[in-house]
Amino acid sequence: MAAYIQPYNPIGFLCPLETDWVGRIINNTEKPVIVIKPLGAGRVLPSTGLNFCYSTIKPMDTVCVGMLSVEEVEEDVELACSLIAGAEARRQYTYSRSKQVYVQGVTSE
């Protein structure tokens, strides 16, 4: 089966045109498209990049994500499965000192 491969992510990293144009091209082709670089080489959070891709491609298209660790695989697969199923993924947020003022019940020191 023939398919196309196309970089596609919300910031347009390595996309040949603006993302709205690339999305239109992906959706107007009859062949499946494998979208790559959904996280823009680490410039986009998985929740943002995968949600963008899965919500704007055809059901027969797929998303290819590069990963460096087992933990990344687990996180991204869980997120992708939730998005494909149409459910909002529950994710753990990362916390650092700079975010403490935004967390209810945490006081800055």
N, C-alpha and C. Protein backbone atom coordinates (compact mmCIF):
# COMPACT_ATOMS: atom_id res chain seq x y z
N MET A 1 0.84 -1.18 0.00
CA MET A 1 0.00 0.00 0.00
C MET A 1 0.89 1.25 0.00
N ALA A 2 0.57 2.17 -0.83
CA ALA A 2 1.32 3.41 -0.92
C ALA A 2 0.85 4.38 0.16
N ALA A 3 1.78 5.17 0.67
CA ALA A 3 1.47 6.17 1.69
C ALA A 3 2.42 7.34 1.52
N TYR A 4 2.07 8.45 2.10
CA TYR A 4 2.92 9.63 2.11
C TYR A 4 3.48 9.83 3.51
N ILE A 5 4.63 10.46 3.59
CA ILE A 5 5.22 10.85 4.87
C ILE A 5 5.36 12.37 4.86
N GLN A 6 4.89 13.01 5.94
CA GLN A 6 4.88 14.47 5.98
C GLN A 6 5.16 15.00 7.37
N PRO A 7 6.16 15.88 7.55
CA PRO A 7 6.30 16.56 8.84
C PRO A 7 5.05 17.39 9.12
N TYR A 8 4.55 17.31 10.36
CA TYR A 8 3.32 18.02 10.71
C TYR A 8 3.27 18.23 12.21
N ASN A 9 3.20 19.47 12.65
CA ASN A 9 3.16 19.80 14.07
C ASN A 9 2.58 21.20 14.22
N PRO A 10 2.15 21.57 15.42
CA PRO A 10 1.47 22.86 15.59
C PRO A 10 2.33 24.10 15.37
N ILE A 11 3.66 23.95 15.39
CA ILE A 11 4.51 25.13 15.18
C ILE A 11 5.07 25.20 13.76
N GLY A 12 4.72 24.22 12.93
CA GLY A 12 5.17 24.24 11.55
C GLY A 12 6.63 23.84 11.35
N PHE A 13 7.25 23.21 12.35
CA PHE A 13 8.64 22.82 12.25
C PHE A 13 8.83 21.82 11.10
N LEU A 14 9.67 22.16 10.15
CA LEU A 14 9.99 21.37 8.96
C LEU A 14 8.82 21.19 8.00
N CYS A 15 7.71 21.86 8.22
CA CYS A 15 6.58 21.79 7.29
C CYS A 15 6.89 22.66 6.07
N PRO A 16 6.52 22.21 4.87
CA PRO A 16 6.83 22.99 3.68
C PRO A 16 5.97 24.24 3.53
N LEU A 17 4.80 24.26 4.18
CA LEU A 17 3.86 25.38 4.13
C LEU A 17 3.31 25.60 5.53
N GLU A 18 2.46 26.60 5.69
CA GLU A 18 1.80 26.83 6.97
C GLU A 18 0.96 25.61 7.32
N THR A 19 0.75 25.38 8.63
CA THR A 19 0.10 24.16 9.07
C THR A 19 -1.33 24.01 8.56
N ASP A 20 -2.05 25.11 8.36
CA ASP A 20 -3.41 24.97 7.83
C ASP A 20 -3.38 24.42 6.40
N TRP A 21 -2.38 24.82 5.63
CA TRP A 21 -2.22 24.30 4.26
C TRP A 21 -1.79 22.84 4.29
N VAL A 22 -0.85 22.51 5.14
CA VAL A 22 -0.39 21.12 5.24
C VAL A 22 -1.55 20.22 5.68
N GLY A 23 -2.33 20.66 6.65
CA GLY A 23 -3.49 19.90 7.10
C GLY A 23 -4.49 19.67 5.98
N ARG A 24 -4.71 20.68 5.18
CA ARG A 24 -5.63 20.55 4.04
C ARG A 24 -5.10 19.53 3.04
N ILE A 25 -3.82 19.58 2.75
CA ILE A 25 -3.21 18.63 1.82
C ILE A 25 -3.34 17.20 2.36
N ILE A 26 -3.04 17.02 3.65
CA ILE A 26 -3.14 15.69 4.27
C ILE A 26 -4.57 15.17 4.16
N ASN A 27 -5.55 16.01 4.45
CA ASN A 27 -6.94 15.58 4.44
C ASN A 27 -7.52 15.40 3.04
N ASN A 28 -6.93 16.02 2.04
CA ASN A 28 -7.44 15.90 0.68
C ASN A 28 -6.81 14.77 -0.12
N THR A 29 -5.82 14.10 0.43
CA THR A 29 -5.24 12.97 -0.29
C THR A 29 -6.02 11.70 0.03
N GLU A 30 -6.14 10.83 -0.96
CA GLU A 30 -6.86 9.57 -0.77
C GLU A 30 -5.97 8.52 -0.12
N LYS A 31 -4.68 8.70 -0.16
CA LYS A 31 -3.75 7.74 0.41
C LYS A 31 -3.50 8.06 1.88
N PRO A 32 -3.10 7.04 2.66
CA PRO A 32 -2.75 7.31 4.06
C PRO A 32 -1.50 8.18 4.16
N VAL A 33 -1.45 8.96 5.21
CA VAL A 33 -0.30 9.83 5.46
C VAL A 33 0.29 9.45 6.83
N ILE A 34 1.60 9.33 6.88
CA ILE A 34 2.31 9.14 8.14
C ILE A 34 2.88 10.50 8.50
N VAL A 35 2.33 11.11 9.54
CA VAL A 35 2.85 12.42 9.93
C VAL A 35 4.00 12.20 10.91
N ILE A 36 5.09 12.90 10.66
CA ILE A 36 6.28 12.80 11.50
C ILE A 36 6.56 14.16 12.14
N LYS A 37 7.42 14.16 13.12
CA LYS A 37 7.81 15.37 13.85
C LYS A 37 6.62 16.05 14.55
N PRO A 38 5.67 15.29 15.14
CA PRO A 38 4.53 15.93 15.79
C PRO A 38 4.92 16.77 17.00
N LEU A 39 6.11 16.49 17.55
CA LEU A 39 6.58 17.25 18.71
C LEU A 39 7.63 18.29 18.33
N GLY A 40 7.81 18.51 17.04
CA GLY A 40 8.72 19.55 16.56
C GLY A 40 10.12 19.42 17.11
N ALA A 41 10.66 18.19 17.12
CA ALA A 41 12.02 17.93 17.63
C ALA A 41 12.18 18.41 19.07
N GLY A 42 11.17 18.15 19.89
CA GLY A 42 11.24 18.49 21.31
C GLY A 42 10.78 19.90 21.64
N ARG A 43 10.32 20.65 20.67
CA ARG A 43 9.89 22.03 20.90
C ARG A 43 8.43 22.11 21.37
N VAL A 44 7.69 21.00 21.25
CA VAL A 44 6.27 20.97 21.56
C VAL A 44 6.02 19.87 22.59
N LEU A 45 5.19 20.14 23.58
CA LEU A 45 4.83 19.11 24.56
C LEU A 45 4.03 18.01 23.89
N PRO A 46 4.17 16.76 24.34
CA PRO A 46 3.42 15.66 23.74
C PRO A 46 1.91 15.90 23.70
N SER A 47 1.35 16.41 24.78
CA SER A 47 -0.10 16.65 24.80
C SER A 47 -0.53 17.64 23.71
N THR A 48 0.26 18.64 23.47
CA THR A 48 -0.06 19.64 22.45
C THR A 48 0.13 19.07 21.05
N GLY A 49 1.28 18.47 20.79
CA GLY A 49 1.59 17.96 19.45
C GLY A 49 0.71 16.82 19.03
N LEU A 50 0.50 15.85 19.92
CA LEU A 50 -0.33 14.70 19.56
C LEU A 50 -1.78 15.09 19.41
N ASN A 51 -2.29 15.94 20.29
CA ASN A 51 -3.67 16.42 20.16
C ASN A 51 -3.86 17.15 18.84
N PHE A 52 -2.92 18.01 18.48
CA PHE A 52 -3.00 18.74 17.22
C PHE A 52 -3.08 17.76 16.04
N CYS A 53 -2.17 16.80 16.02
CA CYS A 53 -2.13 15.86 14.89
C CYS A 53 -3.38 15.00 14.82
N TYR A 54 -3.71 14.33 15.93
CA TYR A 54 -4.86 13.42 15.89
C TYR A 54 -6.18 14.13 15.64
N SER A 55 -6.29 15.39 15.97
CA SER A 55 -7.54 16.10 15.75
C SER A 55 -7.64 16.71 14.35
N THR A 56 -6.56 16.64 13.57
CA THR A 56 -6.59 17.28 12.25
C THR A 56 -6.22 16.35 11.09
N ILE A 57 -5.98 15.06 11.37
CA ILE A 57 -5.67 14.13 10.28
C ILE A 57 -6.85 13.18 10.06
N LYS A 58 -6.79 12.43 8.97
CA LYS A 58 -7.84 11.47 8.65
C LYS A 58 -7.71 10.24 9.56
N PRO A 59 -8.81 9.50 9.76
CA PRO A 59 -8.73 8.29 10.59
C PRO A 59 -7.75 7.25 10.07
N MET A 60 -7.50 7.19 8.78
CA MET A 60 -6.56 6.19 8.24
C MET A 60 -5.10 6.64 8.36
N ASP A 61 -4.85 7.88 8.72
CA ASP A 61 -3.48 8.39 8.86
C ASP A 61 -2.90 7.95 10.21
N THR A 62 -1.60 8.07 10.32
CA THR A 62 -0.95 7.70 11.57
C THR A 62 0.09 8.74 11.95
N VAL A 63 0.52 8.67 13.20
CA VAL A 63 1.49 9.63 13.72
C VAL A 63 2.72 8.86 14.16
N CYS A 64 3.88 9.33 13.76
CA CYS A 64 5.15 8.70 14.12
C CYS A 64 5.91 9.64 15.06
N VAL A 65 6.22 9.14 16.27
CA VAL A 65 6.87 9.95 17.29
C VAL A 65 8.21 9.33 17.67
N GLY A 66 9.25 10.13 17.72
CA GLY A 66 10.54 9.66 18.21
C GLY A 66 10.57 9.71 19.72
N MET A 67 11.17 8.69 20.32
CA MET A 67 11.22 8.61 21.78
C MET A 67 12.60 8.15 22.23
N LEU A 68 12.99 8.56 23.43
CA LEU A 68 14.32 8.24 23.95
C LEU A 68 14.32 7.28 25.13
N SER A 69 13.18 7.07 25.77
CA SER A 69 13.18 6.24 26.97
C SER A 69 11.87 5.46 27.07
N VAL A 70 11.88 4.44 27.89
CA VAL A 70 10.68 3.66 28.14
C VAL A 70 9.58 4.54 28.73
N GLU A 71 9.97 5.46 29.60
CA GLU A 71 8.99 6.36 30.22
C GLU A 71 8.30 7.23 29.16
N GLU A 72 9.05 7.71 28.19
CA GLU A 72 8.45 8.50 27.10
C GLU A 72 7.49 7.65 26.28
N VAL A 73 7.86 6.41 26.03
CA VAL A 73 6.99 5.51 25.28
C VAL A 73 5.68 5.33 26.03
N GLU A 74 5.76 5.03 27.31
CA GLU A 74 4.56 4.82 28.12
C GLU A 74 3.67 6.05 28.13
N GLU A 75 4.25 7.21 28.35
CA GLU A 75 3.49 8.46 28.39
C GLU A 75 2.82 8.75 27.05
N ASP A 76 3.60 8.66 25.96
CA ASP A 76 3.07 9.00 24.65
C ASP A 76 2.02 8.00 24.16
N VAL A 77 2.22 6.72 24.43
CA VAL A 77 1.24 5.71 24.02
C VAL A 77 -0.06 5.89 24.78
N GLU A 78 0.02 6.13 26.08
CA GLU A 78 -1.20 6.37 26.87
C GLU A 78 -1.94 7.59 26.36
N LEU A 79 -1.21 8.64 26.08
CA LEU A 79 -1.81 9.86 25.56
C LEU A 79 -2.44 9.63 24.20
N ALA A 80 -1.72 8.96 23.29
CA ALA A 80 -2.23 8.70 21.94
C ALA A 80 -3.49 7.84 21.99
N CYS A 81 -3.50 6.81 22.82
CA CYS A 81 -4.68 5.95 22.94
C CYS A 81 -5.88 6.74 23.43
N SER A 82 -5.67 7.63 24.38
CA SER A 82 -6.76 8.48 24.88
C SER A 82 -7.29 9.39 23.79
N LEU A 83 -6.39 9.99 23.03
CA LEU A 83 -6.82 10.90 21.96
C LEU A 83 -7.56 10.16 20.85
N ILE A 84 -7.06 8.98 20.49
CA ILE A 84 -7.71 8.20 19.45
C ILE A 84 -9.11 7.77 19.90
N ALA A 85 -9.25 7.42 21.17
CA ALA A 85 -10.54 7.00 21.72
C ALA A 85 -11.48 8.18 21.94
N GLY A 86 -10.96 9.38 21.81
CA GLY A 86 -11.78 10.57 22.00
C GLY A 86 -11.92 10.99 23.45
N ALA A 87 -11.11 10.42 24.31
CA ALA A 87 -11.16 10.77 25.74
C ALA A 87 -10.06 11.76 26.06
N GLU A 88 -10.33 12.61 27.02
CA GLU A 88 -9.29 13.54 27.46
C GLU A 88 -8.30 12.79 28.34
N ALA A 89 -7.05 12.89 28.00
CA ALA A 89 -6.02 12.17 28.74
C ALA A 89 -5.79 12.82 30.09
N ARG A 90 -5.62 12.00 31.09
CA ARG A 90 -5.23 12.50 32.42
C ARG A 90 -3.72 12.40 32.49
N ARG A 91 -3.10 13.51 32.71
CA ARG A 91 -1.65 13.50 32.72
C ARG A 91 -1.12 14.16 33.98
N GLN A 92 0.06 13.75 34.33
CA GLN A 92 0.75 14.33 35.46
C GLN A 92 1.49 15.57 34.97
N TYR A 93 1.34 16.65 35.69
CA TYR A 93 2.07 17.86 35.35
C TYR A 93 3.42 17.84 36.06
N THR A 94 4.41 18.43 35.43
CA THR A 94 5.70 18.56 36.09
C THR A 94 5.66 19.79 36.98
N TYR A 95 6.31 19.70 38.12
CA TYR A 95 6.34 20.82 39.05
C TYR A 95 7.77 21.24 39.32
N SER A 96 7.99 22.52 39.31
CA SER A 96 9.29 23.08 39.65
C SER A 96 9.04 24.27 40.57
N ARG A 97 10.11 24.82 41.11
CA ARG A 97 9.95 25.98 42.00
C ARG A 97 9.24 27.12 41.30
N SER A 98 9.49 27.32 40.03
CA SER A 98 8.88 28.45 39.33
C SER A 98 7.37 28.31 39.20
N LYS A 99 6.85 27.10 39.35
CA LYS A 99 5.41 26.87 39.20
C LYS A 99 4.67 26.83 40.53
N GLN A 100 5.38 26.90 41.63
CA GLN A 100 4.75 26.76 42.93
C GLN A 100 3.68 27.81 43.19
N VAL A 101 3.85 29.02 42.69
CA VAL A 101 2.86 30.06 42.94
C VAL A 101 1.54 29.77 42.22
N TYR A 102 1.55 28.87 41.24
CA TYR A 102 0.36 28.54 40.48
C TYR A 102 -0.39 27.35 41.05
N VAL A 103 0.23 26.66 42.00
CA VAL A 103 -0.37 25.46 42.57
C VAL A 103 -1.11 25.85 43.85
N GLN A 104 -2.37 25.52 43.90
CA GLN A 104 -3.18 25.86 45.06
C GLN A 104 -2.62 25.19 46.31
N GLY A 105 -2.52 25.95 47.37
CA GLY A 105 -2.04 25.41 48.64
C GLY A 105 -0.53 25.42 48.80
N VAL A 106 0.19 25.84 47.78
CA VAL A 106 1.65 25.89 47.89
C VAL A 106 2.05 27.34 48.03
N THR A 107 2.87 27.63 49.01
CA THR A 107 3.33 29.00 49.21
C THR A 107 4.74 29.15 48.68
N SER A 108 5.04 30.31 48.17
CA SER A 108 6.41 30.56 47.69
C SER A 108 7.31 30.91 48.87
N GLU A 109 8.56 30.50 48.74
CA GLU A 109 9.50 30.74 49.82
C GLU A 109 10.52 31.76 49.41
